[in-house]
Amino acid sequence: MKYQVLPEPFACRLPNIQLWQDSFGDDFGVADRVLCIFCDAFMFDEEERFKFEPDDTVMAIYRAVYPSRWTPDSLEYPFIIDALEKEFDFRFNPIKLEKIASFRQIVAEIKDAQHGRRH
């Protein structure tokens, strides 16, 4: 499979799995799965997923891949939303993903939805 190269500034980072483990603790598995879904959507090599940081936003990465507003995209947003909803069995607000969602916020949304189902 041919992967898309990570855009700058993400490509020059060293992978930091420890940052992710420290940031998410018991929720590391959820965070890792979110990263994998995200990498699948953009066709990034999952081996590079830990070059992203928990507070990186989906929009910042999207803009790094598609710097021009007029560049057609590959419909990553619908793919991400659909995959998150199927994987974690919840409804995700697409506007939130586009506007403010960092990986940390996405994991928090998932955990909140899971917590709400248990009560």
C-alpha atoms as a PDB file:
ATOM      1  CA  MET A   1       0.000   0.000   0.000  1.00  0.00           C
ATOM      2  CA  LYS A   2       1.245   3.461  -0.828  1.00  0.00           C
ATOM      3  CA  TYR A   3       1.004   5.902   2.051  1.00  0.00           C
ATOM      4  CA  GLN A   4       0.712   9.664   1.981  1.00  0.00           C
ATOM      5  CA  VAL A   5       3.719  11.425   3.504  1.00  0.00           C
ATOM      6  CA  LEU A   6       3.022  13.247   6.767  1.00  0.00           C
ATOM      7  CA  PRO A   7       2.989  16.998   6.188  1.00  0.00           C
ATOM      8  CA  GLU A   8       5.209  19.430   8.060  1.00  0.00           C
ATOM      9  CA  PRO A   9       5.493  20.145  10.952  1.00  0.00           C
ATOM     10  CA  PHE A  10       4.359  16.635  11.874  1.00  0.00           C
ATOM     11  CA  ALA A  11       6.818  14.770   9.642  1.00  0.00           C
ATOM     12  CA  CYS A  12       9.876  16.143  11.424  1.00  0.00           C
ATOM     13  CA  ARG A  13       8.689  15.091  14.887  1.00  0.00           C
ATOM     14  CA  LEU A  14       9.985  11.992  16.578  1.00  0.00           C
ATOM     15  CA  PRO A  15       7.354   9.414  17.531  1.00  0.00           C
ATOM     16  CA  ASN A  16       6.437   9.826  21.197  1.00  0.00           C
ATOM     17  CA  ILE A  17       4.338   6.915  22.432  1.00  0.00           C
ATOM     18  CA  GLN A  18       5.243   7.836  26.013  1.00  0.00           C
ATOM     19  CA  LEU A  19       3.466  11.203  25.651  1.00  0.00           C
ATOM     20  CA  TRP A  20       0.317   9.368  24.554  1.00  0.00           C
ATOM     21  CA  GLN A  21       0.528   6.811  27.345  1.00  0.00           C
ATOM     22  CA  ASP A  22       1.105   9.538  29.937  1.00  0.00           C
ATOM     23  CA  SER A  23      -1.709  11.689  28.534  1.00  0.00           C
ATOM     24  CA  PHE A  24      -4.362   8.971  28.377  1.00  0.00           C
ATOM     25  CA  GLY A  25      -3.429   6.367  30.969  1.00  0.00           C
ATOM     26  CA  ASP A  26      -6.194   3.748  31.034  1.00  0.00           C
ATOM     27  CA  ASP A  27      -7.723   5.334  27.921  1.00  0.00           C
ATOM     28  CA  PHE A  28      -4.561   4.825  25.861  1.00  0.00           C
ATOM     29  CA  GLY A  29      -6.220   2.026  23.864  1.00  0.00           C
ATOM     30  CA  VAL A  30      -9.041   4.366  22.819  1.00  0.00           C
ATOM     31  CA  ALA A  31      -6.547   7.086  21.872  1.00  0.00           C
ATOM     32  CA  ASP A  32      -4.466   4.621  19.872  1.00  0.00           C
ATOM     33  CA  ARG A  33      -7.535   3.397  17.978  1.00  0.00           C
ATOM     34  CA  VAL A  34      -8.543   7.027  17.213  1.00  0.00           C
ATOM     35  CA  LEU A  35      -5.052   7.640  15.813  1.00  0.00           C
ATOM     36  CA  CYS A  36      -5.278   4.521  13.646  1.00  0.00           C
ATOM     37  CA  ILE A  37      -8.660   5.592  12.263  1.00  0.00           C
ATOM     38  CA  PHE A  38      -7.277   9.042  11.565  1.00  0.00           C
ATOM     39  CA  CYS A  39      -4.214   7.631   9.786  1.00  0.00           C
ATOM     40  CA  ASP A  40      -6.439   5.335   7.697  1.00  0.00           C
ATOM     41  CA  ALA A  41      -8.575   8.297   6.628  1.00  0.00           C
ATOM     42  CA  PHE A  42      -5.589  10.324   5.432  1.00  0.00           C
ATOM     43  CA  MET A  43      -3.650   7.278   4.209  1.00  0.00           C
ATOM     44  CA  PHE A  44      -0.788   8.002   6.616  1.00  0.00           C
ATOM     45  CA  ASP A  45       1.364   5.078   7.698  1.00  0.00           C
ATOM     46  CA  GLU A  46       0.078   3.977  11.127  1.00  0.00           C
ATOM     47  CA  GLU A  47       3.699   3.447  12.150  1.00  0.00           C
ATOM     48  CA  GLU A  48       4.009   7.248  12.218  1.00  0.00           C
ATOM     49  CA  ARG A  49       0.878   7.874  14.305  1.00  0.00           C
ATOM     50  CA  PHE A  50       2.765   8.797  17.455  1.00  0.00           C
ATOM     51  CA  LYS A  51       4.330  11.755  15.667  1.00  0.00           C
ATOM     52  CA  PHE A  52       1.013  13.454  16.286  1.00  0.00           C
ATOM     53  CA  GLU A  53       0.420  14.937  19.718  1.00  0.00           C
ATOM     54  CA  PRO A  54      -2.746  14.733  21.835  1.00  0.00           C
ATOM     55  CA  ASP A  55      -3.515  18.437  21.362  1.00  0.00           C
ATOM     56  CA  ASP A  56      -3.026  18.483  17.589  1.00  0.00           C
ATOM     57  CA  THR A  57      -6.293  19.389  15.909  1.00  0.00           C
ATOM     58  CA  VAL A  58      -7.868  17.593  13.014  1.00  0.00           C
ATOM     59  CA  MET A  59      -8.252  20.905  11.169  1.00  0.00           C
ATOM     60  CA  ALA A  60      -4.560  21.817  11.557  1.00  0.00           C
ATOM     61  CA  ILE A  61      -3.570  18.488  10.055  1.00  0.00           C
ATOM     62  CA  TYR A  62      -6.197  18.802   7.343  1.00  0.00           C
ATOM     63  CA  ARG A  63      -4.892  22.284   6.435  1.00  0.00           C
ATOM     64  CA  ALA A  64      -1.323  20.961   6.326  1.00  0.00           C
ATOM     65  CA  VAL A  65      -2.437  18.285   3.843  1.00  0.00           C
ATOM     66  CA  TYR A  66      -4.690  20.659   1.861  1.00  0.00           C
ATOM     67  CA  PRO A  67      -3.196  24.147   2.253  1.00  0.00           C
ATOM     68  CA  SER A  68      -5.419  25.699  -0.411  1.00  0.00           C
ATOM     69  CA  ARG A  69      -9.108  26.109   0.248  1.00  0.00           C
ATOM     70  CA  TRP A  70      -9.641  25.167  -3.384  1.00  0.00           C
ATOM     71  CA  THR A  71      -7.810  21.849  -3.313  1.00  0.00           C
ATOM     72  CA  PRO A  72     -10.305  19.009  -3.449  1.00  0.00           C
ATOM     73  CA  ASP A  73      -9.988  16.630  -0.530  1.00  0.00           C
ATOM     74  CA  SER A  74     -10.476  12.883  -0.301  1.00  0.00           C
ATOM     75  CA  LEU A  75     -13.499  13.067   2.002  1.00  0.00           C
ATOM     76  CA  GLU A  76     -11.475  12.278   5.115  1.00  0.00           C
ATOM     77  CA  TYR A  77     -14.003  13.913   7.450  1.00  0.00           C
ATOM     78  CA  PRO A  78     -16.923  11.645   6.566  1.00  0.00           C
ATOM     79  CA  PHE A  79     -14.612   8.630   6.768  1.00  0.00           C
ATOM     80  CA  ILE A  80     -13.331   9.639  10.220  1.00  0.00           C
ATOM     81  CA  ILE A  81     -16.798  10.340  11.594  1.00  0.00           C
ATOM     82  CA  ASP A  82     -18.251   7.117  10.207  1.00  0.00           C
ATOM     83  CA  ALA A  83     -15.335   5.030  11.485  1.00  0.00           C
ATOM     84  CA  LEU A  84     -15.438   6.624  14.966  1.00  0.00           C
ATOM     85  CA  GLU A  85     -19.180   6.075  15.236  1.00  0.00           C
ATOM     86  CA  LYS A  86     -18.924   2.435  14.164  1.00  0.00           C
ATOM     87  CA  GLU A  87     -15.885   1.665  16.309  1.00  0.00           C
ATOM     88  CA  PHE A  88     -17.182   3.290  19.489  1.00  0.00           C
ATOM     89  CA  ASP A  89     -20.974   3.086  18.955  1.00  0.00           C
ATOM     90  CA  PHE A  90     -21.845   6.749  19.429  1.00  0.00           C
ATOM     91  CA  ARG A  91     -22.888   9.808  17.401  1.00  0.00           C
ATOM     92  CA  PHE A  92     -20.144  12.362  16.808  1.00  0.00           C
ATOM     93  CA  ASN A  93     -20.900  15.990  16.071  1.00  0.00           C
ATOM     94  CA  PRO A  94     -19.179  16.659  12.702  1.00  0.00           C
ATOM     95  CA  ILE A  95     -19.030  20.407  13.341  1.00  0.00           C
ATOM     96  CA  LYS A  96     -17.066  19.794  16.519  1.00  0.00           C
ATOM     97  CA  LEU A  97     -14.581  17.628  14.614  1.00  0.00           C
ATOM     98  CA  GLU A  98     -14.078  20.321  12.014  1.00  0.00           C
ATOM     99  CA  LYS A  99     -13.922  23.320  14.344  1.00  0.00           C
ATOM    100  CA  ILE A 100     -12.138  22.437  17.567  1.00  0.00           C
ATOM    101  CA  ALA A 101     -11.482  18.751  18.003  1.00  0.00           C
ATOM    102  CA  SER A 102      -8.019  17.754  19.075  1.00  0.00           C
ATOM    103  CA  PHE A 103      -7.235  14.093  19.539  1.00  0.00           C
ATOM    104  CA  ARG A 104      -7.581  14.699  23.293  1.00  0.00           C
ATOM    105  CA  GLN A 105     -11.098  16.140  22.765  1.00  0.00           C
ATOM    106  CA  ILE A 106     -12.128  13.284  20.492  1.00  0.00           C
ATOM    107  CA  VAL A 107     -11.115  10.712  23.116  1.00  0.00           C
ATOM    108  CA  ALA A 108     -12.970  12.723  25.787  1.00  0.00           C
ATOM    109  CA  GLU A 109     -16.134  12.738  23.621  1.00  0.00           C
ATOM    110  CA  ILE A 110     -15.902   8.976  23.193  1.00  0.00           C
ATOM    111  CA  LYS A 111     -15.334   8.360  26.895  1.00  0.00           C
ATOM    112  CA  ASP A 112     -18.215  10.701  27.835  1.00  0.00           C
ATOM    113  CA  ALA A 113     -20.539   8.836  25.463  1.00  0.00           C
ATOM    114  CA  GLN A 114     -19.432   5.471  26.853  1.00  0.00           C
ATOM    115  CA  HIS A 115     -19.812   6.706  30.427  1.00  0.00           C
ATOM    116  CA  GLY A 116     -23.311   8.025  29.663  1.00  0.00           C
ATOM    117  CA  ARG A 117     -24.400   4.613  28.367  1.00  0.00           C
ATOM    118  CA  ARG A 118     -23.332   2.916  31.601  1.00  0.00           C
ATOM    119  CA  HIS A 119     -25.610   5.101  33.715  1.00  0.00           C
END
